[in-house]
Amino acid sequence: MEPVENVPRLTSLRPLECLAGVGEMGAVIRAIDWAQTPIGPVASWSPSLRMMVSFLLANRFPLLLWWGPQFCQLYNDPYRPVLGTKHPQSMGQPASQCWPEIWHIIGPLIETPYHGGPATWMEDLALEINRHRFAEETHFTVAYSPVPDDTVPSRIGGVLATVHEISDKVVGERRVEVLKDLGARSSEAKTAEEACAIAAETLAQHPKDMPFALLYLLDADGQRARFAGAAGVH
């Protein structure tokens, strides 16, 4: 994570100073009536929460803060793309309402540090999320860490999520493997029909990237096609 400069000291940060951050999310946070959210008006926020909001807005790494027992969400500009069309209603929203499709996975990962357990770390967290109005395969490296707050009985006010999306990397590497497998077996074919059969067999072993395939061979004149193989179709 990048070092952050000019973040006000916890003891000197007055209630409204935590909303002084620049960027789109700074403006969004200032525009929200926080009295209508689970964490209440800004004037009632604890020094710890004020400091964390200022920290979020000053940081250039994707950060998300879940605060209070309902895990009310606050996040910065670099995290914004992760949400897709869930933003802007996601700001100030309880996490379970924002992420119902994956709450059974991330809920326990958040609850653990919030209730005094160790911080959560996963190098490749695979999630199928609905951020652009369709189910999408995504992958993240995440760290969920407890945030101390002396004003609550548990002494833990929320959970800070440090998030790095690696979807393009994971999917890209997997698709390269498909091409390598196809190339490795291509020399086995003696005829076009055998090449199609080998290709279909190879593609069937990679259903995530090739859910189904239908292979046809054209006649010499290019006017007719005949079925030559299939993968993922029963």
Protein backbone atom coordinates (compact mmCIF):
# COMPACT_ATOMS: atom_id res chain seq x y z
CA MET A 1 0.00 0.00 0.00
CA GLU A 2 1.26 3.47 -0.81
CA PRO A 3 2.23 5.78 2.06
CA VAL A 4 -0.28 8.49 2.75
CA GLU A 5 0.78 12.04 3.47
CA ASN A 6 -1.05 14.93 5.08
CA VAL A 7 -3.67 12.84 6.83
CA PRO A 8 -4.82 14.86 9.89
CA ARG A 9 -3.83 13.45 13.28
CA LEU A 10 -6.59 11.54 15.05
CA THR A 11 -6.66 13.86 18.06
CA SER A 12 -6.92 17.02 15.94
CA LEU A 13 -9.48 15.89 13.37
CA ARG A 14 -12.75 17.78 13.89
CA PRO A 15 -16.03 16.19 12.63
CA LEU A 16 -16.31 17.96 9.27
CA GLU A 17 -12.61 17.86 8.45
CA CYS A 18 -12.83 14.15 7.58
CA LEU A 19 -15.03 15.06 4.59
CA ALA A 20 -12.50 17.46 3.09
CA GLY A 21 -11.04 14.89 0.68
CA VAL A 22 -10.76 15.60 -3.02
CA GLY A 23 -12.07 13.44 -5.84
CA GLU A 24 -15.45 12.08 -6.84
CA MET A 25 -15.98 10.00 -3.69
CA GLY A 26 -15.15 12.96 -1.48
CA ALA A 27 -17.99 14.86 -3.14
CA VAL A 28 -20.34 11.87 -2.88
CA ILE A 29 -19.62 11.43 0.83
CA ARG A 30 -20.22 15.13 1.50
CA ALA A 31 -23.55 15.01 -0.36
CA ILE A 32 -25.00 12.11 1.65
CA ASP A 33 -27.33 12.68 4.60
CA TRP A 34 -25.51 10.31 6.93
CA ALA A 35 -28.22 10.71 9.54
CA GLN A 36 -30.31 8.41 7.33
CA THR A 37 -27.64 5.65 7.37
CA PRO A 38 -26.75 3.08 10.05
CA ILE A 39 -23.73 5.12 11.24
CA GLY A 40 -25.64 8.36 11.88
CA PRO A 41 -24.75 12.02 11.28
CA VAL A 42 -21.13 13.07 10.81
CA ALA A 43 -21.18 15.07 14.06
CA SER A 44 -21.75 11.82 15.97
CA TRP A 45 -18.91 9.89 14.33
CA SER A 46 -16.15 8.67 16.60
CA PRO A 47 -12.60 10.04 16.17
CA SER A 48 -11.58 6.65 14.76
CA LEU A 49 -14.22 6.76 12.03
CA ARG A 50 -13.34 10.35 11.13
CA MET A 51 -9.69 9.44 10.81
CA MET A 52 -10.45 6.38 8.63
CA VAL A 53 -12.63 8.38 6.25
CA SER A 54 -9.87 10.96 5.86
CA PHE A 55 -7.40 8.11 5.28
CA LEU A 56 -9.62 6.59 2.58
CA LEU A 57 -10.02 9.80 0.64
CA ALA A 58 -6.29 10.58 0.75
CA ASN A 59 -5.20 7.14 -0.45
CA ARG A 60 -4.65 6.10 -4.06
CA PHE A 61 -5.03 2.36 -3.41
CA PRO A 62 -8.53 0.79 -3.61
CA LEU A 63 -9.93 0.87 -0.06
CA LEU A 64 -13.35 0.07 1.37
CA LEU A 65 -14.43 0.62 4.96
CA TRP A 66 -17.26 -1.39 6.54
CA TRP A 67 -18.35 0.41 9.72
CA GLY A 68 -20.57 -0.68 12.58
CA PRO A 69 -22.53 -3.91 13.08
CA GLN A 70 -24.38 -3.47 9.76
CA PHE A 71 -21.08 -2.85 7.94
CA CYS A 72 -22.07 0.49 6.45
CA GLN A 73 -19.89 1.14 3.41
CA LEU A 74 -17.51 4.00 2.65
CA TYR A 75 -14.88 3.85 -0.11
CA ASN A 76 -12.50 5.92 -2.20
CA ASP A 77 -12.12 6.74 -5.89
CA PRO A 78 -9.78 3.82 -6.75
CA TYR A 79 -12.32 1.34 -5.32
CA ARG A 80 -15.21 2.83 -7.30
CA PRO A 81 -14.76 0.63 -10.48
CA VAL A 82 -15.20 -2.54 -8.43
CA LEU A 83 -18.82 -1.58 -7.78
CA GLY A 84 -19.94 -0.97 -11.36
CA THR A 85 -23.61 0.03 -11.41
CA LYS A 86 -23.97 -0.65 -7.68
CA HIS A 87 -22.57 2.88 -7.19
CA PRO A 88 -23.72 5.43 -6.05
CA GLN A 89 -26.42 3.75 -3.94
CA SER A 90 -23.68 1.56 -2.48
CA MET A 91 -22.18 4.48 -0.55
CA GLY A 92 -23.53 4.33 3.00
CA GLN A 93 -25.37 1.08 2.26
CA PRO A 94 -25.08 -1.99 4.50
CA ALA A 95 -22.71 -4.47 2.87
CA SER A 96 -25.24 -7.32 2.86
CA GLN A 97 -27.63 -5.17 0.80
CA CYS A 98 -24.93 -4.16 -1.66
CA TRP A 99 -23.51 -7.67 -2.14
CA PRO A 100 -26.40 -10.15 -1.66
CA GLU A 101 -25.07 -12.47 -4.38
CA ILE A 102 -21.77 -13.07 -2.53
CA TRP A 103 -22.69 -12.32 1.08
CA HIS A 104 -22.49 -16.01 2.00
CA ILE A 105 -18.80 -15.83 1.03
CA ILE A 106 -17.59 -12.40 2.15
CA GLY A 107 -19.89 -12.10 5.19
CA PRO A 108 -17.89 -14.61 7.29
CA LEU A 109 -14.61 -13.05 6.11
CA ILE A 110 -15.76 -9.66 7.44
CA GLU A 111 -17.36 -10.99 10.62
CA THR A 112 -14.14 -12.73 11.71
CA PRO A 113 -11.96 -9.64 12.23
CA TYR A 114 -14.94 -7.55 13.36
CA HIS A 115 -15.57 -9.93 16.25
CA GLY A 116 -11.97 -10.11 17.40
CA GLY A 117 -10.60 -12.79 15.12
CA PRO A 118 -7.49 -12.47 12.97
CA ALA A 119 -7.33 -10.29 9.88
CA THR A 120 -8.46 -12.04 6.70
CA TRP A 121 -6.13 -12.44 3.74
CA MET A 122 -6.82 -14.18 0.43
CA GLU A 123 -4.52 -14.03 -2.59
CA ASP A 124 -7.14 -15.13 -5.13
CA LEU A 125 -10.71 -14.73 -3.93
CA ALA A 126 -12.97 -15.92 -6.76
CA LEU A 127 -16.39 -14.24 -6.77
CA GLU A 128 -19.30 -14.24 -9.20
CA ILE A 129 -20.71 -10.75 -8.80
CA ASN A 130 -23.48 -8.76 -10.43
CA ARG A 131 -22.04 -5.27 -10.88
CA HIS A 132 -23.06 -4.64 -14.49
CA ARG A 133 -26.50 -6.32 -14.37
CA PHE A 134 -25.15 -9.75 -15.27
CA ALA A 135 -23.23 -12.44 -13.41
CA GLU A 136 -19.50 -11.87 -13.88
CA GLU A 137 -16.49 -13.98 -12.92
CA THR A 138 -14.06 -11.87 -10.88
CA HIS A 139 -10.92 -12.46 -8.84
CA PHE A 140 -9.44 -10.34 -6.05
CA THR A 141 -6.51 -10.24 -3.68
CA VAL A 142 -7.96 -8.93 -0.43
CA ALA A 143 -7.03 -8.15 3.15
CA TYR A 144 -9.77 -7.46 5.71
CA SER A 145 -8.41 -5.85 8.88
CA PRO A 146 -10.13 -4.77 12.11
CA VAL A 147 -10.20 -1.03 12.86
CA PRO A 148 -9.87 -0.10 16.57
CA ASP A 149 -12.45 2.22 18.11
CA ASP A 150 -12.32 2.90 21.85
CA THR A 151 -15.85 4.35 21.87
CA VAL A 152 -17.57 0.96 21.41
CA PRO A 153 -17.63 -1.93 23.92
CA SER A 154 -15.90 -4.37 21.59
CA ARG A 155 -13.11 -1.84 20.87
CA ILE A 156 -13.51 -2.63 17.16
CA GLY A 157 -15.48 -0.14 15.08
CA GLY A 158 -15.27 -1.69 11.65
CA VAL A 159 -13.25 -3.54 9.05
CA LEU A 160 -10.92 -2.03 6.44
CA ALA A 161 -10.80 -3.86 3.10
CA THR A 162 -7.67 -3.47 1.00
CA VAL A 163 -8.64 -4.70 -2.46
CA HIS A 164 -6.76 -5.46 -5.67
CA GLU A 165 -8.73 -6.87 -8.59
CA ILE A 166 -6.79 -9.48 -10.57
CA SER A 167 -9.61 -10.73 -12.84
CA ASP A 168 -7.84 -9.85 -16.11
CA LYS A 169 -4.64 -11.53 -14.97
CA VAL A 170 -6.29 -14.75 -13.79
CA VAL A 171 -8.58 -15.14 -16.80
CA GLY A 172 -5.84 -14.15 -19.24
CA GLU A 173 -3.39 -16.72 -17.88
CA ARG A 174 -6.06 -19.41 -17.98
CA ARG A 175 -6.88 -18.69 -21.61
CA VAL A 176 -3.21 -18.87 -22.56
CA GLU A 177 -3.27 -22.40 -21.13
CA VAL A 178 -6.13 -23.27 -23.49
CA LEU A 179 -4.08 -22.12 -26.47
CA LYS A 180 -1.01 -24.01 -25.23
CA ASP A 181 -3.02 -27.22 -24.88
CA LEU A 182 -4.44 -26.82 -28.38
CA GLY A 183 -1.01 -26.16 -29.83
CA ALA A 184 0.60 -29.09 -28.00
CA ARG A 185 -1.86 -31.60 -29.46
CA SER A 186 -2.23 -30.16 -32.95
CA SER A 187 0.66 -32.25 -34.33
CA GLU A 188 -1.19 -35.46 -33.44
CA ALA A 189 -3.77 -34.96 -36.19
CA LYS A 190 -3.24 -36.62 -39.57
CA THR A 191 -6.49 -35.41 -41.13
CA ALA A 192 -8.80 -32.43 -40.79
CA GLU A 193 -11.37 -34.66 -39.09
CA GLU A 194 -8.80 -35.80 -36.51
CA ALA A 195 -7.80 -32.16 -35.91
CA CYS A 196 -11.41 -31.26 -35.16
CA ALA A 197 -11.83 -34.24 -32.83
CA ILE A 198 -8.64 -33.35 -30.92
CA ALA A 199 -9.67 -29.69 -30.71
CA ALA A 200 -13.10 -30.63 -29.35
CA GLU A 201 -11.59 -32.97 -26.77
CA THR A 202 -9.11 -30.30 -25.65
CA LEU A 203 -11.71 -27.53 -25.42
CA ALA A 204 -13.98 -29.77 -23.35
CA GLN A 205 -11.29 -29.72 -20.64
CA HIS A 206 -11.59 -25.92 -20.30
CA PRO A 207 -15.30 -25.25 -19.67
CA LYS A 208 -14.73 -21.92 -17.89
CA ASP A 209 -13.28 -20.32 -21.00
CA MET A 210 -15.01 -22.42 -23.65
CA PRO A 211 -18.47 -23.41 -22.33
CA PHE A 212 -19.34 -25.01 -25.65
CA ALA A 213 -18.04 -25.31 -29.20
CA LEU A 214 -19.36 -26.71 -32.48
CA LEU A 215 -16.80 -27.51 -35.18
CA TYR A 216 -17.57 -27.79 -38.91
CA LEU A 217 -15.48 -28.47 -41.98
CA LEU A 218 -16.19 -26.77 -45.29
CA ASP A 219 -16.22 -28.74 -48.52
CA ALA A 220 -13.61 -27.89 -51.13
CA ASP A 221 -15.93 -25.48 -52.92
CA GLY A 222 -16.82 -23.72 -49.67
CA GLN A 223 -20.53 -24.17 -50.26
CA ARG A 224 -21.34 -26.85 -47.71
CA ALA A 225 -20.29 -27.49 -44.10
CA ARG A 226 -20.34 -30.80 -42.31
CA PHE A 227 -20.33 -31.35 -38.55
CA ALA A 228 -16.90 -32.41 -37.27
CA GLY A 229 -16.93 -32.15 -33.48
CA ALA A 230 -18.42 -30.60 -30.37
CA ALA A 231 -17.45 -29.66 -26.82
CA GLY A 232 -19.77 -28.87 -23.92
CA VAL A 233 -22.87 -29.93 -25.84
CA HIS A 234 -24.73 -33.08 -24.84
